[in-house]
Amino acid sequence: MRCPHCGEPVKPGQERCFACGEKIRARGLRHESTVDYRIFIVGGLLALLGVVGALVIIFGARQQHTRSTPKRPRVQLEKTVRPVKRVDSVATIAGRKGEIQRARGKLEKIYARFEKVKSQVIGETPTPEQRELMTQIQREMSVMNAKIMEMSGSITLEKKKQLQRELSDAERKINNLLSQFSRAPKSR
């Protein structure tokens, strides 16, 4: 290490140069930062206060605007609107889709039960009584599927209720046929 003033060699930790007499560490002490962090804290708080104030002014103006807009009476609106053909609302359509999904789920459960009973009951070849019950069950399942498909189309409320009754009747009939099928004489 050398003296920054005259260039004479100095030892580490030496405070003054023996050749020129100047302080060696004078430059080293100047590297300390004298930043006051309170300035940044106060500046940040002022910026936050400005943003909050701007938001209050904006939302206050919006609320005042909504209060000042006149609302038409409902009676006046009803007179100006022409009667329109009934259109299903989104909630009605979503409800109908849920009903259709439930009906399809029931049909799938019935089909799975039919396949399970068929695998347990039928031996090598089905008996004539078993064949007849199988065709009746398959026919009723296809009728039930047709009713579900009909329900997915555009229908009136009365037709919907009628289809729901027919679906529950078909489900009941299929379950009775499955019970008969499971008790039918076996060919084993």
Protein backbone atom coordinates (compact mmCIF):
# COMPACT_ATOMS: atom_id res chain seq x y z
CA MET A 1 0.00 0.00 0.00
CA ARG A 2 1.18 3.52 -0.83
CA CYS A 3 0.38 7.01 0.39
CA PRO A 4 -2.29 8.61 -1.83
CA HIS A 5 -0.54 12.01 -1.64
CA CYS A 6 3.12 11.35 -2.20
CA GLY A 7 3.27 7.67 -3.18
CA GLU A 8 5.59 6.63 -0.32
CA PRO A 9 5.12 3.05 0.90
CA VAL A 10 3.08 2.81 4.13
CA LYS A 11 2.13 -0.07 6.42
CA PRO A 12 -1.45 -1.25 6.79
CA GLY A 13 -3.19 0.50 9.71
CA GLN A 14 -0.87 3.53 9.57
CA GLU A 15 -2.81 6.81 9.96
CA ARG A 16 -0.25 9.36 8.71
CA CYS A 17 2.39 9.21 6.04
CA PHE A 18 5.94 9.57 7.54
CA ALA A 19 7.17 11.26 4.37
CA CYS A 20 4.55 13.99 3.77
CA GLY A 21 2.59 13.96 7.05
CA GLU A 22 -0.85 13.75 5.42
CA LYS A 23 -3.62 11.57 6.76
CA ILE A 24 -3.80 8.30 4.86
CA ARG A 25 -7.28 7.22 5.91
CA ALA A 26 -8.98 10.46 4.97
CA ARG A 27 -10.26 9.06 1.72
CA GLY A 28 -11.34 5.78 3.32
CA LEU A 29 -13.62 7.58 5.77
CA ARG A 30 -15.40 9.48 3.01
CA HIS A 31 -16.90 6.25 1.64
CA GLU A 32 -19.44 6.12 4.44
CA SER A 33 -22.98 6.81 3.22
CA THR A 34 -25.00 9.46 4.90
CA VAL A 35 -28.39 8.49 3.53
CA ASP A 36 -31.29 9.20 5.81
CA TYR A 37 -33.90 6.48 5.35
CA ARG A 38 -36.59 8.60 7.00
CA ILE A 39 -36.80 10.57 3.74
CA PHE A 40 -37.80 7.43 1.84
CA ILE A 41 -40.36 6.45 4.48
CA VAL A 42 -41.98 9.89 4.47
CA GLY A 43 -41.96 9.96 0.64
CA GLY A 44 -43.60 6.51 0.48
CA LEU A 45 -46.30 7.54 2.97
CA LEU A 46 -47.05 10.69 0.99
CA ALA A 47 -47.35 8.69 -2.26
CA LEU A 48 -49.69 6.19 -0.56
CA LEU A 49 -51.77 9.04 0.83
CA GLY A 50 -52.03 10.55 -2.67
CA VAL A 51 -53.22 7.25 -4.19
CA VAL A 52 -55.84 6.75 -1.45
CA GLY A 53 -57.06 10.32 -1.92
CA ALA A 54 -57.39 9.84 -5.68
CA LEU A 55 -59.38 6.61 -5.17
CA VAL A 56 -61.72 8.32 -2.71
CA ILE A 57 -62.35 11.13 -5.18
CA ILE A 58 -62.99 8.72 -8.08
CA PHE A 59 -65.36 6.44 -6.15
CA GLY A 60 -67.11 9.39 -4.57
CA ALA A 61 -67.81 10.84 -8.02
CA ARG A 62 -69.15 7.49 -9.26
CA GLN A 63 -71.52 7.15 -6.31
CA GLN A 64 -72.78 10.66 -6.80
CA HIS A 65 -73.32 9.95 -10.51
CA THR A 66 -75.38 6.83 -9.77
CA ARG A 67 -77.47 8.70 -7.23
CA SER A 68 -78.17 11.55 -9.63
CA THR A 69 -79.27 9.41 -12.62
CA PRO A 70 -83.03 9.26 -12.65
CA LYS A 71 -84.64 5.83 -12.69
CA ARG A 72 -87.67 5.25 -14.82
CA PRO A 73 -90.64 3.81 -13.08
CA ARG A 74 -91.28 0.16 -13.86
CA VAL A 75 -94.78 0.90 -15.10
CA GLN A 76 -93.46 3.19 -17.79
CA LEU A 77 -90.99 0.57 -18.98
CA GLU A 78 -93.63 -2.13 -19.17
CA LYS A 79 -95.76 0.06 -21.42
CA THR A 80 -92.92 0.72 -23.84
CA VAL A 81 -91.77 -2.90 -24.18
CA ARG A 82 -93.58 -5.04 -26.71
CA PRO A 83 -94.54 -8.53 -25.70
CA VAL A 84 -91.86 -10.93 -26.86
CA LYS A 85 -92.02 -14.67 -27.35
CA ARG A 86 -90.87 -16.46 -24.19
CA VAL A 87 -87.15 -17.18 -24.30
CA ASP A 88 -85.57 -19.60 -21.86
CA SER A 89 -83.25 -17.90 -19.41
CA VAL A 90 -79.75 -19.10 -18.73
CA ALA A 91 -80.82 -20.51 -15.37
CA THR A 92 -83.64 -22.50 -16.99
CA ILE A 93 -81.29 -23.91 -19.60
CA ALA A 94 -78.71 -24.80 -16.94
CA GLY A 95 -81.42 -26.45 -14.84
CA ARG A 96 -82.62 -28.42 -17.83
CA LYS A 97 -79.07 -29.57 -18.57
CA GLY A 98 -78.75 -30.75 -14.97
CA GLU A 99 -82.01 -32.70 -15.25
CA ILE A 100 -80.85 -34.26 -18.51
CA GLN A 101 -77.53 -35.25 -16.95
CA ARG A 102 -79.33 -36.85 -14.00
CA ALA A 103 -81.63 -38.76 -16.34
CA ARG A 104 -78.66 -39.97 -18.40
CA GLY A 105 -76.91 -41.00 -15.19
CA LYS A 106 -79.96 -43.04 -14.18
CA LEU A 107 -80.05 -44.69 -17.61
CA GLU A 108 -76.35 -45.54 -17.36
CA LYS A 109 -76.88 -47.09 -13.91
CA ILE A 110 -79.79 -49.13 -15.25
CA TYR A 111 -77.68 -50.29 -18.19
CA ALA A 112 -74.81 -51.27 -15.84
CA ARG A 113 -77.24 -53.18 -13.61
CA PHE A 114 -78.70 -54.92 -16.69
CA GLU A 115 -75.23 -56.01 -17.85
CA LYS A 116 -74.34 -57.23 -14.36
CA VAL A 117 -77.56 -59.24 -13.99
CA LYS A 118 -77.17 -60.58 -17.53
CA SER A 119 -73.64 -61.81 -16.79
CA GLN A 120 -74.81 -63.47 -13.56
CA VAL A 121 -78.03 -65.03 -14.87
CA ILE A 122 -77.35 -66.19 -18.42
CA GLY A 123 -75.46 -69.43 -18.76
CA GLU A 124 -74.27 -70.67 -22.13
CA THR A 125 -77.47 -69.71 -23.94
CA PRO A 126 -80.43 -67.70 -22.66
CA THR A 127 -83.79 -69.38 -22.20
CA PRO A 128 -86.73 -68.10 -24.29
CA GLU A 129 -88.14 -66.32 -21.24
CA GLN A 130 -84.79 -64.65 -20.61
CA ARG A 131 -84.53 -63.59 -24.27
CA GLU A 132 -88.01 -62.05 -24.14
CA LEU A 133 -87.19 -60.15 -20.92
CA MET A 134 -83.88 -58.94 -22.42
CA THR A 135 -85.61 -57.56 -25.51
CA GLN A 136 -88.26 -55.85 -23.34
CA ILE A 137 -85.55 -54.29 -21.15
CA GLN A 138 -83.58 -53.10 -24.18
CA ARG A 139 -86.74 -51.69 -25.76
CA GLU A 140 -87.63 -49.79 -22.57
CA MET A 141 -84.07 -48.43 -22.29
CA SER A 142 -84.25 -47.16 -25.87
CA VAL A 143 -87.64 -45.54 -25.08
CA MET A 144 -86.10 -43.92 -22.00
CA ASN A 145 -83.17 -42.67 -24.09
CA ALA A 146 -85.60 -41.20 -26.66
CA LYS A 147 -87.46 -39.38 -23.84
CA ILE A 148 -84.16 -37.94 -22.57
CA MET A 149 -83.29 -36.75 -26.07
CA GLU A 150 -86.75 -35.18 -26.41
CA MET A 151 -86.26 -33.39 -23.10
CA SER A 152 -83.02 -31.83 -24.37
CA GLY A 153 -84.93 -30.00 -27.12
CA SER A 154 -87.04 -26.88 -26.75
CA ILE A 155 -90.17 -27.89 -24.81
CA THR A 156 -92.88 -26.27 -22.75
CA LEU A 157 -93.18 -26.64 -19.01
CA GLU A 158 -96.16 -28.99 -19.35
CA LYS A 159 -94.29 -31.20 -21.82
CA LYS A 160 -91.29 -31.24 -19.49
CA LYS A 161 -93.43 -32.45 -16.58
CA GLN A 162 -95.02 -35.08 -18.79
CA LEU A 163 -91.60 -36.29 -19.95
CA GLN A 164 -90.38 -36.47 -16.37
CA ARG A 165 -93.38 -38.61 -15.41
CA GLU A 166 -92.79 -40.86 -18.43
CA LEU A 167 -89.11 -41.18 -17.55
CA SER A 168 -89.87 -42.19 -13.97
CA ASP A 169 -92.49 -44.69 -15.24
CA ALA A 170 -89.96 -46.13 -17.71
CA GLU A 171 -87.34 -46.37 -14.97
CA ARG A 172 -89.80 -48.16 -12.69
CA LYS A 173 -90.80 -50.54 -15.50
CA ILE A 174 -87.18 -51.34 -16.34
CA ASN A 175 -86.37 -52.05 -12.69
CA ASN A 176 -89.36 -54.43 -12.50
CA LEU A 177 -88.22 -56.18 -15.69
CA LEU A 178 -84.69 -56.48 -14.28
CA SER A 179 -86.09 -58.07 -11.13
CA GLN A 180 -88.07 -60.54 -13.24
CA PHE A 181 -84.99 -61.19 -15.37
CA SER A 182 -82.88 -62.00 -12.29
CA ARG A 183 -85.56 -64.45 -11.06
CA ALA A 184 -86.20 -66.05 -14.45
CA PRO A 185 -85.41 -69.79 -14.74
CA LYS A 186 -81.79 -70.29 -15.60
CA SER A 187 -80.40 -72.54 -18.30
CA ARG A 188 -77.44 -73.79 -16.27
